[in-house]
C-alpha atoms as a PDB file:
ATOM      1  CA  UNK A   1      -8.272  -8.967 -10.032  1.00  0.00           C
ATOM      2  CA  UNK A   2      -5.124 -11.055  -9.507  1.00  0.00           C
ATOM      3  CA  UNK A   3      -2.117 -10.127  -7.273  1.00  0.00           C
ATOM      4  CA  UNK A   4      -0.200  -8.763 -10.321  1.00  0.00           C
ATOM      5  CA  UNK A   5      -2.967  -6.266 -11.226  1.00  0.00           C
ATOM      6  CA  UNK A   6      -3.587  -5.159  -6.961  1.00  0.00           C
ATOM      7  CA  UNK A   7       0.228  -4.875  -6.880  1.00  0.00           C
ATOM      8  CA  UNK A   8       0.259  -2.698 -10.042  1.00  0.00           C
ATOM      9  CA  UNK A   9      -2.293  -0.333  -8.507  1.00  0.00           C
ATOM     10  CA  UNK A  10      -0.401  -0.075  -5.324  1.00  0.00           C
ATOM     11  CA  UNK A  11       2.543   0.948  -7.155  1.00  0.00           C
ATOM     12  CA  UNK A  12       0.950   3.370  -8.792  1.00  0.00           C
ATOM     13  CA  UNK A  13      -0.708   4.767  -5.420  1.00  0.00           C
ATOM     14  CA  UNK A  14       2.836   4.512  -3.585  1.00  0.00           C
ATOM     15  CA  UNK A  15       4.427   6.390  -6.485  1.00  0.00           C
ATOM     16  CA  UNK A  16       1.922   9.087  -6.035  1.00  0.00           C
ATOM     17  CA  UNK A  17       1.939   9.487  -2.437  1.00  0.00           C
ATOM     18  CA  UNK A  18       5.232   9.346  -1.857  1.00  0.00           C
ATOM     19  CA  UNK A  19       6.870  10.532  -4.839  1.00  0.00           C
ATOM     20  CA  UNK A  20       8.835   8.108  -5.659  1.00  0.00           C
ATOM     21  CA  UNK A  21      10.096   6.015  -9.195  1.00  0.00           C
ATOM     22  CA  UNK A  22       7.833   3.579 -10.002  1.00  0.00           C
ATOM     23  CA  UNK A  23      10.751   0.696 -11.174  1.00  0.00           C
ATOM     24  CA  UNK A  24      11.644   0.938  -6.995  1.00  0.00           C
ATOM     25  CA  UNK A  25       8.682  -0.516  -5.315  1.00  0.00           C
ATOM     26  CA  UNK A  26       9.149  -3.491  -4.934  1.00  0.00           C
ATOM     27  CA  UNK A  27       6.951  -5.833  -2.905  1.00  0.00           C
ATOM     28  CA  UNK A  28       9.605  -5.985  -0.020  1.00  0.00           C
ATOM     29  CA  UNK A  29       9.858  -2.069   0.382  1.00  0.00           C
ATOM     30  CA  UNK A  30       8.975  -1.010   3.765  1.00  0.00           C
ATOM     31  CA  UNK A  31       7.067   1.721   3.829  1.00  0.00           C
ATOM     32  CA  UNK A  32       7.982   3.381   7.058  1.00  0.00           C
ATOM     33  CA  UNK A  33      11.825   2.343   6.921  1.00  0.00           C
ATOM     34  CA  UNK A  34      12.593   2.977   3.030  1.00  0.00           C
ATOM     35  CA  UNK A  35      10.131   5.803   2.046  1.00  0.00           C
ATOM     36  CA  UNK A  36      10.096   7.296   5.746  1.00  0.00           C
ATOM     37  CA  UNK A  37       6.392   7.512   5.974  1.00  0.00           C
ATOM     38  CA  UNK A  38       5.028   8.594   9.480  1.00  0.00           C
ATOM     39  CA  UNK A  39       1.959   8.158  11.255  1.00  0.00           C
ATOM     40  CA  UNK A  40      -0.076  10.748   8.795  1.00  0.00           C
ATOM     41  CA  UNK A  41       1.103   9.352   5.219  1.00  0.00           C
ATOM     42  CA  UNK A  42       0.482   5.692   6.253  1.00  0.00           C
ATOM     43  CA  UNK A  43      -2.846   6.834   7.367  1.00  0.00           C
ATOM     44  CA  UNK A  44      -3.352   8.722   3.963  1.00  0.00           C
ATOM     45  CA  UNK A  45      -2.016   5.867   1.769  1.00  0.00           C
ATOM     46  CA  UNK A  46      -4.183   3.241   3.538  1.00  0.00           C
ATOM     47  CA  UNK A  47      -7.204   6.157   2.508  1.00  0.00           C
ATOM     48  CA  UNK A  48      -6.208   5.778  -1.084  1.00  0.00           C
ATOM     49  CA  UNK A  49      -6.072   1.924  -0.622  1.00  0.00           C
ATOM     50  CA  UNK A  50      -9.664   1.775   0.452  1.00  0.00           C
ATOM     51  CA  UNK A  51     -10.943   4.331  -1.985  1.00  0.00           C
ATOM     52  CA  UNK A  52      -9.157   2.875  -4.834  1.00  0.00           C
ATOM     53  CA  UNK A  53     -10.192  -1.152  -4.153  1.00  0.00           C
ATOM     54  CA  UNK A  54     -13.827  -0.263  -2.352  1.00  0.00           C
ATOM     55  CA  UNK A  55     -12.320  -1.998   0.591  1.00  0.00           C
ATOM     56  CA  UNK A  56     -12.611  -1.086   4.445  1.00  0.00           C
ATOM     57  CA  UNK A  57      -9.023  -1.451   6.114  1.00  0.00           C
ATOM     58  CA  UNK A  58      -9.058  -1.537  10.148  1.00  0.00           C
ATOM     59  CA  UNK A  59      -6.424   0.842  12.135  1.00  0.00           C
ATOM     60  CA  UNK A  60      -5.711  -3.103  13.639  1.00  0.00           C
ATOM     61  CA  UNK A  61      -5.147  -4.260  10.008  1.00  0.00           C
ATOM     62  CA  UNK A  62      -3.554  -1.053   8.261  1.00  0.00           C
ATOM     63  CA  UNK A  63      -0.697  -1.287  11.710  1.00  0.00           C
ATOM     64  CA  UNK A  64       0.247  -4.800  10.233  1.00  0.00           C
ATOM     65  CA  UNK A  65       0.773  -3.809   6.679  1.00  0.00           C
ATOM     66  CA  UNK A  66       4.312  -2.543   6.797  1.00  0.00           C
ATOM     67  CA  UNK A  67       5.670  -3.476   3.438  1.00  0.00           C
ATOM     68  CA  UNK A  68       4.393  -3.246  -0.410  1.00  0.00           C
ATOM     69  CA  UNK A  69       3.725  -6.988  -0.471  1.00  0.00           C
ATOM     70  CA  UNK A  70       1.455  -6.848   2.608  1.00  0.00           C
ATOM     71  CA  UNK A  71      -0.480  -4.209   1.308  1.00  0.00           C
ATOM     72  CA  UNK A  72      -1.072  -6.482  -1.803  1.00  0.00           C
ATOM     73  CA  UNK A  73      -1.726  -9.741  -0.003  1.00  0.00           C
ATOM     74  CA  UNK A  74      -3.864  -8.078   2.487  1.00  0.00           C
ATOM     75  CA  UNK A  75      -6.003  -6.552  -0.310  1.00  0.00           C
ATOM     76  CA  UNK A  76      -6.035  -9.742  -2.394  1.00  0.00           C
ATOM     77  CA  UNK A  77      -7.594 -11.770   0.399  1.00  0.00           C
ATOM     78  CA  UNK A  78     -10.441  -9.293   1.209  1.00  0.00           C
ATOM     79  CA  UNK A  79     -11.651  -7.705  -2.262  1.00  0.00           C
END
């Protein structure tokens, strides 16, 4: 799976989970600051990523995923 394909899937998850327009989901988008996500929303988002990509994301790694780009990089590296 290419990074672009990963980005598209992450975009769709964020669009649905945070109720935001897809074109606003760019790699620099900060999940906490720009989306106002609290710890529960972030945990749910990480669970959705795990389900979609069939991977496990440790709590330690999940804390490091602050932007859309970071999520794409992490998933691409761990597929």
